[in-house]
Protein backbone atom coordinates (compact mmCIF):
# COMPACT_ATOMS: atom_id res chain seq x y z
CA UNK A 1 -14.66 11.63 2.50
CA UNK A 2 -16.84 13.07 5.53
CA UNK A 3 -14.39 15.36 7.48
CA UNK A 4 -14.91 16.35 11.23
CA UNK A 5 -13.70 15.47 14.31
CA UNK A 6 -16.81 13.16 14.82
CA UNK A 7 -15.51 10.48 12.58
CA UNK A 8 -12.85 8.21 13.95
CA UNK A 9 -10.33 7.78 11.59
CA UNK A 10 -9.54 3.88 11.27
CA UNK A 11 -6.62 2.88 8.79
CA UNK A 12 -5.98 -0.44 7.14
CA UNK A 13 -2.34 -0.92 5.69
CA UNK A 14 -1.20 -4.12 4.27
CA UNK A 15 2.14 -5.12 4.55
CA UNK A 16 2.76 -2.88 7.45
CA UNK A 17 5.51 -4.61 9.53
CA UNK A 18 8.22 -3.12 7.58
CA UNK A 19 9.66 -0.84 5.05
CA UNK A 20 6.92 1.65 3.36
CA UNK A 21 4.37 -0.52 5.12
CA UNK A 22 5.55 0.63 8.65
CA UNK A 23 6.56 4.33 7.96
CA UNK A 24 2.99 4.73 6.79
CA UNK A 25 1.57 2.91 9.83
CA UNK A 26 3.80 5.23 12.05
CA UNK A 27 2.98 8.32 10.58
CA UNK A 28 -0.71 7.58 10.49
CA UNK A 29 -0.51 6.96 13.90
CA UNK A 30 1.18 10.31 14.58
CA UNK A 31 -1.78 12.04 12.46
CA UNK A 32 -4.63 10.30 14.53
CA UNK A 33 -5.54 7.21 12.97
CA UNK A 34 -6.33 4.22 14.65
CA UNK A 35 -3.88 1.71 12.47
CA UNK A 36 -4.53 -1.73 11.48
CA UNK A 37 -1.23 -3.64 9.92
CA UNK A 38 -1.16 -6.76 8.32
CA UNK A 39 1.85 -8.81 7.74
CA UNK A 40 2.54 -12.24 6.15
CA UNK A 41 5.07 -14.05 8.20
CA UNK A 42 7.10 -11.41 10.37
CA UNK A 43 5.28 -11.24 13.61
CA UNK A 44 7.92 -9.73 15.44
CA UNK A 45 8.80 -6.84 13.17
CA UNK A 46 5.00 -5.95 12.83
CA UNK A 47 4.92 -6.42 16.44
CA UNK A 48 7.69 -3.88 16.76
CA UNK A 49 5.71 -1.09 14.90
CA UNK A 50 2.45 -1.89 17.18
CA UNK A 51 4.59 -1.28 20.30
CA UNK A 52 6.19 1.89 18.52
CA UNK A 53 3.30 3.66 18.05
CA UNK A 54 1.76 2.61 21.41
CA UNK A 55 4.58 3.80 23.16
CA UNK A 56 3.69 7.64 21.47
CA UNK A 57 0.27 7.17 22.58
CA UNK A 58 -1.38 6.01 19.45
CA UNK A 59 -3.63 3.15 18.68
CA UNK A 60 -2.51 0.14 16.53
CA UNK A 61 -2.41 -3.55 16.11
CA UNK A 62 -1.20 -6.02 13.86
CA UNK A 63 -3.17 -8.92 11.99
CA UNK A 64 -1.12 -11.79 10.18
CA UNK A 65 -2.96 -11.98 6.67
CA UNK A 66 -1.84 -13.24 3.23
CA UNK A 67 -3.36 -10.83 1.05
CA UNK A 68 -3.21 -13.34 -1.87
CA UNK A 69 -5.80 -15.46 0.38
CA UNK A 70 -9.30 -14.32 0.21
CA UNK A 71 -10.41 -15.74 3.15
CA UNK A 72 -7.25 -13.94 4.98
CA UNK A 73 -8.49 -10.83 3.62
CA UNK A 74 -11.90 -11.24 4.93
CA UNK A 75 -10.86 -12.11 8.50
CA UNK A 76 -8.55 -9.15 8.75
CA UNK A 77 -11.26 -6.64 8.24
CA UNK A 78 -13.76 -8.44 10.15
CA UNK A 79 -11.06 -8.11 12.78
CA UNK A 80 -10.67 -4.58 12.19
CA UNK A 81 -14.44 -4.02 12.75
CA UNK A 82 -14.58 -5.68 15.94
CA UNK A 83 -11.28 -4.06 17.09
CA UNK A 84 -11.01 -0.55 15.72
CA UNK A 85 -14.62 -0.11 14.23
CA UNK A 86 -15.51 0.65 10.35
CA UNK A 87 -12.35 1.45 8.49
CA UNK A 88 -12.06 4.97 6.77
CA UNK A 89 -8.61 4.68 4.93
CA UNK A 90 -7.02 1.58 3.01
CA UNK A 91 -3.37 1.49 1.86
CA UNK A 92 -2.69 -1.25 -0.73
CA UNK A 93 0.88 -1.61 0.22
CA UNK A 94 1.65 -5.18 0.42
CA UNK A 95 3.60 -6.30 -2.63
CA UNK A 96 6.28 -9.29 -3.65
CA UNK A 97 8.98 -9.53 -6.20
CA UNK A 98 10.84 -12.70 -6.84
CA UNK A 99 14.51 -13.03 -8.10
CA UNK A 100 15.60 -10.86 -11.21
CA UNK A 101 14.79 -12.72 -14.21
CA UNK A 102 14.25 -12.59 -17.85
CA UNK A 103 10.77 -12.91 -19.34
CA UNK A 104 12.06 -16.11 -21.18
CA UNK A 105 13.10 -17.85 -17.85
CA UNK A 106 10.04 -16.95 -15.78
CA UNK A 107 7.53 -19.92 -15.27
CA UNK A 108 3.63 -19.57 -14.91
CA UNK A 109 3.79 -20.33 -11.08
CA UNK A 110 6.16 -17.32 -10.62
CA UNK A 111 3.80 -14.85 -12.41
CA UNK A 112 0.77 -16.25 -10.64
CA UNK A 113 2.48 -15.66 -7.22
CA UNK A 114 3.08 -11.77 -8.02
CA UNK A 115 0.00 -11.08 -9.50
CA UNK A 116 -1.98 -12.95 -6.74
CA UNK A 117 -0.25 -10.30 -4.01
CA UNK A 118 0.29 -7.52 -6.18
CA UNK A 119 -3.14 -7.33 -8.12
CA UNK A 120 -5.60 -9.60 -6.85
CA UNK A 121 -4.79 -8.76 -3.27
CA UNK A 122 -5.37 -5.17 -3.59
CA UNK A 123 -8.66 -5.95 -5.54
CA UNK A 124 -10.30 -8.20 -2.65
CA UNK A 125 -9.00 -5.71 -0.05
CA UNK A 126 -10.34 -2.46 -1.53
CA UNK A 127 -13.53 -4.70 -2.01
CA UNK A 128 -13.91 -5.07 1.87
CA UNK A 129 -12.80 -1.45 2.27
CA UNK A 130 -15.63 -0.20 -0.17
CA UNK A 131 -18.19 -2.41 1.37
CA UNK A 132 -17.52 -0.68 4.67
CA UNK A 133 -16.74 2.93 3.41
CA UNK A 134 -19.64 3.57 0.76
CA UNK A 135 -22.50 5.39 1.24
CA UNK A 136 -24.36 2.85 -0.65
CA UNK A 137 -23.68 0.41 2.59
CA UNK A 138 -24.15 3.14 5.12
CA UNK A 139 -20.51 4.23 5.37
CA UNK A 140 -19.23 7.72 5.69
CA UNK A 141 -16.93 7.70 2.94
CA UNK A 142 -13.02 7.11 2.86
CA UNK A 143 -10.04 6.97 1.04
CA UNK A 144 -7.85 4.51 -0.58
CA UNK A 145 -4.22 4.61 -1.48
CA UNK A 146 -2.70 1.81 -3.87
CA UNK A 147 1.15 1.74 -3.92
CA UNK A 148 2.12 1.38 -7.49
CA UNK A 149 5.55 1.47 -8.50
CA UNK A 150 7.54 3.92 -11.31
CA UNK A 151 8.52 0.20 -12.80
CA UNK A 152 4.93 0.20 -14.48
CA UNK A 153 6.23 2.76 -16.82
CA UNK A 154 9.88 1.58 -17.18
CA UNK A 155 9.23 -2.09 -17.42
CA UNK A 156 11.97 -3.26 -15.34
CA UNK A 157 13.57 -5.34 -18.43
CA UNK A 158 16.14 -7.98 -17.39
CA UNK A 159 14.86 -8.02 -13.83
CA UNK A 160 11.42 -7.63 -12.97
CA UNK A 161 8.95 -7.40 -15.86
CA UNK A 162 6.30 -9.59 -14.01
CA UNK A 163 6.21 -7.19 -10.86
CA UNK A 164 6.00 -4.07 -13.35
CA UNK A 165 3.30 -5.40 -15.28
CA UNK A 166 1.40 -5.99 -11.81
CA UNK A 167 1.83 -2.41 -11.08
CA UNK A 168 0.93 -1.49 -14.39
CA UNK A 169 -2.64 -2.95 -13.47
CA UNK A 170 -2.67 -1.01 -9.90
CA UNK A 171 -2.62 2.00 -12.28
CA UNK A 172 -5.37 1.17 -14.28
CA UNK A 173 -7.12 -0.57 -10.96
CA UNK A 174 -6.90 3.09 -9.44
CA UNK A 175 -8.46 4.98 -12.36
CA UNK A 176 -11.08 2.38 -12.71
CA UNK A 177 -12.33 2.13 -9.05
CA UNK A 178 -11.85 6.00 -8.55
CA UNK A 179 -14.62 6.72 -11.37
CA UNK A 180 -16.57 3.71 -9.63
CA UNK A 181 -16.96 4.86 -6.19
CA UNK A 182 -16.51 8.84 -6.44
CA UNK A 183 -19.84 9.84 -5.84
CA UNK A 184 -20.50 7.41 -2.97
CA UNK A 185 -17.54 9.32 -0.89
CA UNK A 186 -14.47 7.35 -1.47
CA UNK A 187 -11.42 8.76 -3.20
CA UNK A 188 -9.01 6.12 -4.82
CA UNK A 189 -5.32 7.44 -5.65
CA UNK A 190 -1.61 5.91 -6.04
CA UNK A 191 1.62 6.49 -5.11
CA UNK A 192 4.39 5.33 -7.31
CA UNK A 193 7.81 5.07 -5.45
CA UNK A 194 10.77 4.89 -7.37
CA UNK A 195 13.99 3.42 -6.14
CA UNK A 196 13.70 3.31 -2.48
CA UNK A 197 15.63 2.38 0.65
CA UNK A 198 14.00 -1.07 1.57
CA UNK A 199 14.62 -4.56 1.87
CA UNK A 200 12.51 -5.78 -1.09
CA UNK A 201 15.51 -5.38 -3.30
CA UNK A 202 17.25 -8.23 -1.13
CA UNK A 203 14.25 -10.41 -1.94
CA UNK A 204 15.01 -9.83 -5.38
CA UNK A 205 18.61 -10.74 -5.15
CA UNK A 206 20.04 -7.58 -5.52
CA UNK A 207 20.41 -5.99 -2.01
CA UNK A 208 22.87 -3.26 -3.34
CA UNK A 209 20.34 -1.99 -5.84
CA UNK A 210 19.67 1.29 -4.76
CA UNK A 211 23.47 2.14 -4.44
CA UNK A 212 24.02 0.59 -7.78
CA UNK A 213 21.15 2.65 -9.53
CA UNK A 214 21.49 5.72 -7.65
CA UNK A 215 23.24 7.79 -10.52
CA UNK A 216 20.60 7.00 -12.93
CA UNK A 217 18.29 9.11 -10.53
CA UNK A 218 18.28 12.82 -11.14
CA UNK A 219 18.29 13.77 -7.67
CA UNK A 220 21.72 11.12 -6.99
CA UNK A 221 19.99 9.15 -4.28
CA UNK A 222 17.50 6.47 -3.35
CA UNK A 223 14.26 7.50 -1.34
CA UNK A 224 13.17 6.62 2.28
CA UNK A 225 10.18 4.86 3.49
CA UNK A 226 9.19 8.27 5.23
CA UNK A 227 9.17 10.11 1.94
CA UNK A 228 6.47 7.78 0.11
CA UNK A 229 4.52 7.83 3.64
CA UNK A 230 3.99 11.56 3.43
CA UNK A 231 2.93 11.25 0.20
CA UNK A 232 0.32 8.83 1.22
CA UNK A 233 -0.85 10.55 4.24
CA UNK A 234 -1.02 13.52 2.03
CA UNK A 235 -3.46 11.40 -0.45
CA UNK A 236 -5.55 10.10 2.43
CA UNK A 237 -6.06 13.58 3.95
CA UNK A 238 -8.74 16.22 3.61
CA UNK A 239 -6.04 18.31 1.91
CA UNK A 240 -6.46 16.11 -1.10
CA UNK A 241 -10.17 16.14 -1.01
CA UNK A 242 -10.70 17.03 -4.84
CA UNK A 243 -8.17 14.42 -5.72
CA UNK A 244 -9.00 10.88 -6.96
CA UNK A 245 -7.82 8.68 -9.59
CA UNK A 246 -4.77 10.44 -9.62
CA UNK A 247 -0.81 8.97 -9.09
CA UNK A 248 2.09 10.76 -7.35
CA UNK A 249 5.52 9.78 -8.44
CA UNK A 250 7.85 9.63 -5.60
CA UNK A 251 11.15 8.76 -7.58
CA UNK A 252 13.55 11.69 -7.32
CA UNK A 253 12.72 12.69 -11.07
CA UNK A 254 13.32 9.19 -12.46
């Protein structure tokens, strides 16, 4: 990625209205990025993140977009072009999981929903970012961080095997894309959170999951969104200038 104060840092973080995405957006703004955060339906929550960034003197906007819908992703990036300028960083954070279930009880529609957001959405967002960042397209380079999960290697049996499999796909996508665009000034890495204090557990029907699982974590606690955000921002930064195709676990040792 091209460094120097002459390059405006513009970040897109998907699913930035809450949890890990919101923490990433806030920390990025503190570190000098103009931030666009996308949200699916929680407009007020996204607005609160934007307002908190503005209150600290940062630049941010929120855009409603379903990353599972290609036209929404195209519209998102065009809005960034016109409002903030050419994107230099992307965090593919938006992700979903469904109610805890065994594989034998999952229907194809559920699996398709999970993969449409977690995998296809990340692909299409990365496509739009590469078209703007790559030196092949007149870009100045950039960095992409994909949010994977420790579930990709643990499998999430009896809970979210479909979610875990989608994150396994993200790991492979990270390595392949990193190699594809490395000579074009773009670095691509992943962060794999473990059990983090966010409301995604409630959407899976287990709001107390962090408390229930903490004794299985060597550090005996769940992580915070801010701890994940710090790893993401490091990978986006020039401090990680020779790192691509890598994944950092933020999991308390689990």
